Amino acid sequence: MVEKLVERLAVFPRLGIPVPGGSDPEVDDDTARTDPAADSGDRISVVYRFHPGMSAIFVTWVIAGP
């Protein structure tokens, strides 16, 4: 599940939803979620920052749950 999410973020880094109130006002935090798991319905959320100059995504948090 997470691998597919990371693959999508590599192609579309602005796929996530902006997270307000980040610690650095010059850098946007975004969050993206996996599809619900077939067995439990749980999702994994990834909070990340996109650095356009480096064309890189920096993962801040990985959160598992409903």
Protein backbone atom coordinates (compact mmCIF):
# COMPACT_ATOMS: atom_id res chain seq x y z
CA MET A 1 0.00 0.00 0.00
CA VAL A 2 2.64 2.51 1.01
CA GLU A 3 4.81 1.64 -1.98
CA LYS A 4 2.02 2.56 -4.40
CA LEU A 5 1.43 5.83 -2.55
CA VAL A 6 5.12 6.73 -2.75
CA GLU A 7 5.15 5.87 -6.46
CA ARG A 8 2.18 8.22 -7.01
CA LEU A 9 3.88 10.97 -5.00
CA ALA A 10 7.02 10.60 -7.11
CA VAL A 11 4.98 11.43 -10.21
CA PHE A 12 2.50 13.85 -8.62
CA PRO A 13 4.17 15.43 -5.56
CA ARG A 14 1.24 17.81 -5.01
CA LEU A 15 -1.17 14.88 -4.70
CA GLY A 16 -1.52 15.41 -0.96
CA ILE A 17 -3.75 17.78 0.97
CA PRO A 18 -2.04 20.84 2.50
CA VAL A 19 -1.56 20.73 6.26
CA PRO A 20 -1.98 24.17 7.85
CA GLY A 21 0.24 25.41 10.64
CA GLY A 22 3.52 23.80 9.70
CA SER A 23 6.65 24.64 11.67
CA ASP A 24 8.26 26.47 8.75
CA PRO A 25 6.01 29.01 7.00
CA GLU A 26 8.15 28.93 3.85
CA VAL A 27 7.73 25.17 3.36
CA ASP A 28 4.39 23.48 2.77
CA ASP A 29 3.49 20.26 4.56
CA ASP A 30 1.12 17.90 2.76
CA THR A 31 -0.59 14.67 3.73
CA ALA A 32 -1.56 11.77 1.48
CA ARG A 33 -3.45 8.61 2.42
CA THR A 34 -3.53 5.09 1.08
CA ASP A 35 -6.76 3.41 0.09
CA PRO A 36 -8.44 1.49 2.91
CA ALA A 37 -7.03 -2.00 3.49
CA ALA A 38 -9.29 -4.78 2.25
CA ASP A 39 -9.21 -6.71 5.52
CA SER A 40 -9.27 -4.04 8.25
CA GLY A 41 -10.25 -0.84 6.47
CA ASP A 42 -7.25 0.92 8.03
CA ARG A 43 -5.29 3.50 6.09
CA ILE A 44 -1.76 4.78 6.21
CA SER A 45 -1.22 8.53 6.12
CA VAL A 46 2.07 10.07 5.04
CA VAL A 47 2.89 13.65 6.03
CA TYR A 48 5.62 15.05 3.81
CA ARG A 49 7.30 18.15 2.44
CA PHE A 50 8.03 18.69 -1.23
CA HIS A 51 11.21 20.56 -2.07
CA PRO A 52 10.85 21.77 -5.69
CA GLY A 53 14.47 22.88 -6.03
CA MET A 54 15.68 19.38 -5.24
CA SER A 55 12.67 17.61 -6.80
CA ALA A 56 12.46 15.62 -3.59
CA ILE A 57 9.85 14.56 -1.07
CA PHE A 58 10.85 14.43 2.59
CA VAL A 59 8.62 12.20 4.72
CA THR A 60 7.96 13.70 8.15
CA TRP A 61 5.44 11.22 9.58
CA VAL A 62 3.94 7.85 8.71
CA ILE A 63 0.69 7.27 10.61
CA ALA A 64 -1.33 4.03 10.57
CA GLY A 65 -4.95 3.74 11.67
CA PRO A 66 -8.58 4.11 10.70
